[in-house]
N, C-alpha and C. Protein backbone atom coordinates (compact mmCIF):
# COMPACT_ATOMS: atom_id res chain seq x y z
N MET A 1 -2.74 6.98 -3.80
CA MET A 1 -3.59 7.51 -2.74
C MET A 1 -4.86 7.81 -2.82
N LEU A 2 -5.85 7.61 -1.95
CA LEU A 2 -7.24 7.55 -2.08
C LEU A 2 -7.67 8.72 -0.70
N VAL A 3 -8.33 9.51 -1.31
CA VAL A 3 -8.75 10.48 -0.10
C VAL A 3 -10.50 9.93 -0.38
N ILE A 4 -11.22 9.67 0.64
CA ILE A 4 -12.41 9.43 0.90
C ILE A 4 -13.14 10.08 1.82
N LYS A 5 -14.15 10.96 1.52
CA LYS A 5 -15.06 11.33 2.36
C LYS A 5 -15.87 10.78 3.17
N PRO A 6 -16.43 11.26 4.83
CA PRO A 6 -16.80 10.51 5.12
C PRO A 6 -18.49 9.94 4.43
N THR A 7 -18.94 8.66 4.92
CA THR A 7 -20.09 8.19 4.42
C THR A 7 -19.93 8.04 3.02
N LYS A 8 -18.44 7.97 2.47
CA LYS A 8 -18.40 7.63 0.87
C LYS A 8 -17.90 5.99 1.07
N ILE A 9 -18.04 5.51 -0.18
CA ILE A 9 -17.80 3.95 -0.45
C ILE A 9 -16.72 3.92 -1.63
N ARG A 10 -15.57 3.21 -1.10
CA ARG A 10 -14.66 2.81 -2.00
C ARG A 10 -14.41 1.69 -2.32
N GLY A 11 -14.60 1.16 -3.88
CA GLY A 11 -14.19 -0.02 -3.67
C GLY A 11 -15.44 -1.02 -4.33
N ASN A 12 -16.29 -2.10 -4.12
CA ASN A 12 -17.16 -2.70 -4.53
C ASN A 12 -16.48 -3.51 -5.51
N HIS A 13 -15.35 -4.09 -5.31
CA HIS A 13 -14.72 -4.79 -6.60
C HIS A 13 -14.03 -6.00 -6.26
N TYR A 14 -13.21 -6.58 -6.83
CA TYR A 14 -12.31 -7.41 -6.71
C TYR A 14 -11.37 -7.43 -7.58
N HIS A 15 -9.86 -8.38 -7.28
CA HIS A 15 -8.92 -8.16 -8.60
C HIS A 15 -8.59 -9.75 -8.88
N ASN A 16 -8.26 -10.08 -10.40
CA ASN A 16 -8.33 -11.23 -10.32
C ASN A 16 -6.88 -11.42 -10.63
N GLU A 17 -5.92 -10.76 -10.78
CA GLU A 17 -4.46 -10.86 -11.03
C GLU A 17 -3.57 -9.97 -10.21
N PHE A 18 -4.05 -9.71 -9.00
CA PHE A 18 -2.92 -8.89 -7.90
C PHE A 18 -3.50 -9.29 -6.49
N VAL A 19 -2.67 -8.97 -5.90
CA VAL A 19 -2.97 -8.59 -4.21
C VAL A 19 -2.98 -6.86 -4.13
N GLU A 20 -3.88 -6.71 -3.17
CA GLU A 20 -3.75 -5.44 -2.68
C GLU A 20 -3.33 -5.03 -1.50
N TYR A 21 -2.74 -4.34 -0.85
CA TYR A 21 -2.44 -4.01 0.52
C TYR A 21 -2.60 -2.68 0.70
N PHE A 22 -4.10 -2.45 1.80
CA PHE A 22 -4.53 -1.18 1.86
C PHE A 22 -4.29 -0.53 3.12
N LEU A 23 -3.37 0.62 3.20
CA LEU A 23 -3.00 1.19 4.40
C LEU A 23 -3.76 2.64 4.60
N VAL A 24 -4.09 2.53 5.91
CA VAL A 24 -4.78 3.82 6.27
C VAL A 24 -3.65 4.74 6.86
N VAL A 25 -3.73 5.78 6.38
CA VAL A 25 -2.81 7.06 6.51
C VAL A 25 -3.46 8.13 7.65
N GLN A 26 -4.88 8.19 7.26
CA GLN A 26 -5.48 9.19 8.55
C GLN A 26 -6.75 8.70 8.27
N GLY A 27 -7.48 9.28 9.34
CA GLY A 27 -9.11 9.06 9.17
C GLY A 27 -9.32 7.42 9.91
N PHE A 28 -10.98 6.62 9.80
CA PHE A 28 -11.05 5.83 9.98
C PHE A 28 -12.29 5.40 9.28
N GLY A 29 -12.41 4.00 9.33
CA GLY A 29 -13.38 3.34 8.36
C GLY A 29 -13.53 2.10 8.49
N VAL A 30 -14.39 1.39 7.57
CA VAL A 30 -14.80 -0.09 7.79
C VAL A 30 -14.33 -0.59 6.66
N MET A 31 -13.65 -1.82 6.30
CA MET A 31 -13.53 -2.48 5.13
C MET A 31 -14.44 -3.63 5.38
N VAL A 32 -15.32 -3.87 4.20
CA VAL A 32 -16.17 -5.20 4.09
C VAL A 32 -15.75 -6.06 3.15
N SER A 33 -15.55 -7.39 3.44
CA SER A 33 -15.41 -8.40 2.54
C SER A 33 -16.35 -9.84 2.66
N ARG A 34 -15.80 -10.57 1.73
CA ARG A 34 -16.58 -11.83 2.06
C ARG A 34 -15.53 -12.84 1.76
N ASP A 35 -15.70 -13.64 2.45
CA ASP A 35 -14.82 -15.16 2.76
C ASP A 35 -15.30 -16.00 1.06
N GLU A 36 -14.69 -17.18 1.30
CA GLU A 36 -14.95 -18.46 0.21
C GLU A 36 -16.28 -18.58 0.15
N ASN A 37 -16.96 -18.73 1.15
CA ASN A 37 -18.19 -19.27 1.50
C ASN A 37 -19.30 -17.99 1.22
N GLY A 38 -18.78 -16.81 0.96
CA GLY A 38 -19.99 -15.68 0.98
C GLY A 38 -20.15 -15.19 2.25
N LYS A 39 -19.68 -15.25 3.47
CA LYS A 39 -20.07 -14.93 4.68
C LYS A 39 -19.39 -13.42 5.01
N GLU A 40 -19.77 -12.44 5.33
CA GLU A 40 -19.40 -11.38 5.26
C GLU A 40 -17.96 -10.82 6.44
N ILE A 41 -17.32 -10.20 6.21
CA ILE A 41 -16.14 -10.21 7.17
C ILE A 41 -16.39 -8.54 7.16
N VAL A 42 -15.97 -8.06 8.40
CA VAL A 42 -15.64 -6.90 8.73
C VAL A 42 -14.29 -6.23 9.27
N PHE A 43 -13.89 -5.46 9.13
CA PHE A 43 -12.49 -4.91 9.69
C PHE A 43 -12.74 -3.53 10.00
N HIS A 44 -12.45 -3.21 10.83
CA HIS A 44 -12.37 -1.80 11.38
C HIS A 44 -10.78 -1.44 11.08
N LEU A 45 -10.79 -0.15 10.46
CA LEU A 45 -9.39 0.07 10.19
C LEU A 45 -9.18 1.74 10.28
N SER A 46 -7.80 1.86 11.28
CA SER A 46 -7.63 3.04 11.63
C SER A 46 -6.18 3.54 11.13
N LYS A 47 -5.65 5.06 11.40
CA LYS A 47 -4.33 5.09 10.98
C LYS A 47 -3.26 4.34 11.40
N GLY A 48 -2.78 3.88 10.31
CA GLY A 48 -1.56 3.11 10.85
C GLY A 48 -1.74 1.54 10.38
N GLN A 49 -3.32 1.30 10.26
CA GLN A 49 -3.23 -0.20 9.96
C GLN A 49 -3.54 -0.31 8.70
N CYS A 50 -2.86 -1.78 8.17
CA CYS A 50 -3.15 -1.99 6.89
C CYS A 50 -3.47 -3.61 6.54
N LEU A 51 -4.42 -3.50 5.63
CA LEU A 51 -5.22 -4.69 5.48
C LEU A 51 -4.69 -5.69 3.88
N LYS A 52 -4.21 -6.75 3.89
CA LYS A 52 -4.27 -7.49 3.01
C LYS A 52 -5.19 -8.26 2.19
N ILE A 53 -5.22 -7.59 1.07
CA ILE A 53 -6.53 -8.35 0.21
C ILE A 53 -6.06 -9.28 -1.10
N GLN A 54 -6.15 -10.61 -0.49
CA GLN A 54 -6.01 -11.46 -1.59
C GLN A 54 -6.88 -11.45 -3.11
N LYS A 55 -6.14 -12.27 -4.10
CA LYS A 55 -6.73 -12.16 -5.32
C LYS A 55 -8.43 -12.35 -5.17
N LYS A 56 -9.40 -12.06 -6.31
CA LYS A 56 -10.58 -12.51 -6.06
C LYS A 56 -11.31 -12.25 -4.73
N ILE A 57 -10.82 -11.47 -3.64
CA ILE A 57 -11.83 -11.64 -2.55
C ILE A 57 -12.33 -10.17 -2.98
N PRO A 58 -13.79 -9.71 -3.00
CA PRO A 58 -14.47 -8.95 -3.03
C PRO A 58 -14.34 -7.77 -1.72
N HIS A 59 -14.17 -6.80 -2.12
CA HIS A 59 -13.89 -5.64 -1.05
C HIS A 59 -14.59 -4.32 -1.02
N ALA A 60 -14.98 -3.44 -0.02
CA ALA A 60 -15.18 -2.09 -0.11
C ALA A 60 -14.90 -1.36 1.29
N PHE A 61 -14.51 0.12 0.88
CA PHE A 61 -14.45 0.51 2.22
C PHE A 61 -15.56 1.64 2.68
N TYR A 62 -15.66 1.48 3.59
CA TYR A 62 -16.97 2.72 3.81
C TYR A 62 -16.23 3.79 4.62
N ALA A 63 -15.91 5.01 4.65
CA ALA A 63 -15.28 5.86 5.55
C ALA A 63 -16.27 6.49 6.51
N ILE A 64 -15.84 6.28 7.55
CA ILE A 64 -16.61 6.86 8.92
C ILE A 64 -15.92 8.47 9.19
N GLU A 65 -14.71 8.72 9.26
CA GLU A 65 -14.28 9.89 9.16
C GLU A 65 -13.59 10.05 7.50
N HIS A 66 -12.92 11.38 7.59
CA HIS A 66 -12.47 11.87 6.35
C HIS A 66 -11.54 10.89 6.31
N THR A 67 -10.72 10.19 5.34
CA THR A 67 -9.88 9.08 5.23
C THR A 67 -8.84 8.98 4.19
N THR A 68 -7.52 9.41 4.50
CA THR A 68 -6.77 9.02 3.39
C THR A 68 -6.19 7.39 3.67
N ALA A 69 -6.02 7.20 2.31
CA ALA A 69 -5.23 5.68 2.65
C ALA A 69 -4.42 5.67 1.26
N MET A 70 -3.55 4.47 1.18
CA MET A 70 -2.77 4.03 -0.21
C MET A 70 -2.89 2.81 -0.36
N ALA A 71 -3.10 2.27 -1.73
CA ALA A 71 -3.49 1.23 -2.08
C ALA A 71 -2.30 0.87 -2.86
N PHE A 72 -1.56 -0.52 -2.50
CA PHE A 72 -0.33 -1.08 -3.29
C PHE A 72 -0.69 -2.26 -3.92
N LEU A 73 -0.28 -2.43 -4.80
CA LEU A 73 -0.77 -3.69 -5.71
C LEU A 73 0.67 -4.42 -5.79
N THR A 74 0.39 -5.42 -6.06
CA THR A 74 1.36 -6.71 -6.31
C THR A 74 1.74 -6.74 -7.85
N LYS A 75 0.79 -6.23 -8.97
CA LYS A 75 1.04 -6.30 -10.30
C LYS A 75 0.68 -4.82 -10.89
N ASN A 76 1.55 -4.31 -11.95
CA ASN A 76 1.18 -3.29 -12.40
C ASN A 76 -0.40 -3.08 -12.90
N TRP A 77 -1.11 -1.86 -12.57
CA TRP A 77 -2.62 -2.08 -13.09
C TRP A 77 -2.82 -2.14 -14.56
N ASP A 78 -2.00 -1.69 -15.08
CA ASP A 78 -2.04 -1.44 -16.70
C ASP A 78 -1.69 -2.64 -17.34
N LYS A 79 -1.01 -3.88 -16.79
CA LYS A 79 -0.93 -5.07 -17.26
C LYS A 79 -2.17 -6.03 -16.70
N CYS A 80 -3.07 -5.39 -16.08
CA CYS A 80 -4.13 -6.39 -15.69
C CYS A 80 -5.53 -6.27 -16.78
N ASN A 81 -5.97 -7.19 -17.21
CA ASN A 81 -7.48 -6.99 -18.14
C ASN A 81 -8.30 -8.20 -17.54
N PRO A 82 -9.05 -7.65 -17.07
CA PRO A 82 -9.26 -6.12 -16.58
C PRO A 82 -8.81 -6.02 -15.24
N PRO A 83 -8.39 -4.90 -14.73
CA PRO A 83 -7.42 -4.50 -13.32
C PRO A 83 -8.90 -4.86 -12.25
N ILE A 84 -9.96 -4.43 -12.49
CA ILE A 84 -11.00 -4.74 -11.36
C ILE A 84 -12.20 -5.22 -11.92
N VAL A 85 -13.08 -5.81 -10.83
CA VAL A 85 -14.24 -6.78 -11.57
C VAL A 85 -15.34 -6.13 -10.53
N HIS A 86 -15.76 -5.23 -11.05
CA HIS A 86 -17.25 -4.74 -10.11
C HIS A 86 -17.92 -5.81 -9.23
N GLU A 87 -18.49 -5.59 -8.08
CA GLU A 87 -19.17 -6.34 -7.30
C GLU A 87 -20.13 -5.23 -6.45
N ASP A 88 -21.56 -5.34 -6.42
CA ASP A 88 -21.96 -4.72 -5.20
C ASP A 88 -22.26 -5.67 -4.18
N LEU A 89 -21.06 -5.29 -3.16
CA LEU A 89 -20.64 -5.69 -2.17
C LEU A 89 -21.67 -5.00 -1.21
N ILE A 90 -21.73 -3.61 -1.28
CA ILE A 90 -21.82 -2.75 -0.33
C ILE A 90 -22.35 -1.30 -1.40
N GLN A 91 -23.68 -1.21 -0.75
CA GLN A 91 -24.44 0.24 -1.60
C GLN A 91 -24.29 1.27 -0.73
N ASN A 92 -24.83 1.04 0.19
CA ASN A 92 -24.67 2.03 1.54
C ASN A 92 -24.95 1.46 2.87
N TYR A 93 -23.65 1.15 3.48
CA TYR A 93 -23.50 0.44 4.51
C TYR A 93 -24.39 0.92 5.94
N GLU A 94 -24.67 2.20 6.01
CA GLU A 94 -25.50 2.61 6.76
C GLU A 94 -27.14 1.83 6.51
N GLU A 95 -27.24 1.55 5.49
CA GLU A 95 -28.50 1.10 5.83
C GLU A 95 -28.61 -0.35 6.14
N LYS A 96 -27.35 -1.00 6.31
CA LYS A 96 -27.14 -2.62 7.06
C LYS A 96 -27.63 -2.88 8.11
């Protein structure tokens, strides 16, 4: 379970070994990602919406409202080396 305060960013990483499902339980925000060609993709997510994030796809979530979300992984975090790889996808989405 993730609790993200308004204007805070969660993520800025990708996963080499698992797919992630990101479900918004409460609140509203923006998931920023990039496609295989480096083009930015923006998804507006609110309560009840779920996004499937494939392996090796960078992503970061920017909370517009106080947001509670669940992250479901297709492989045990502790069995990944490393579980995440950091990437500066967004530093402060308000500046973009």
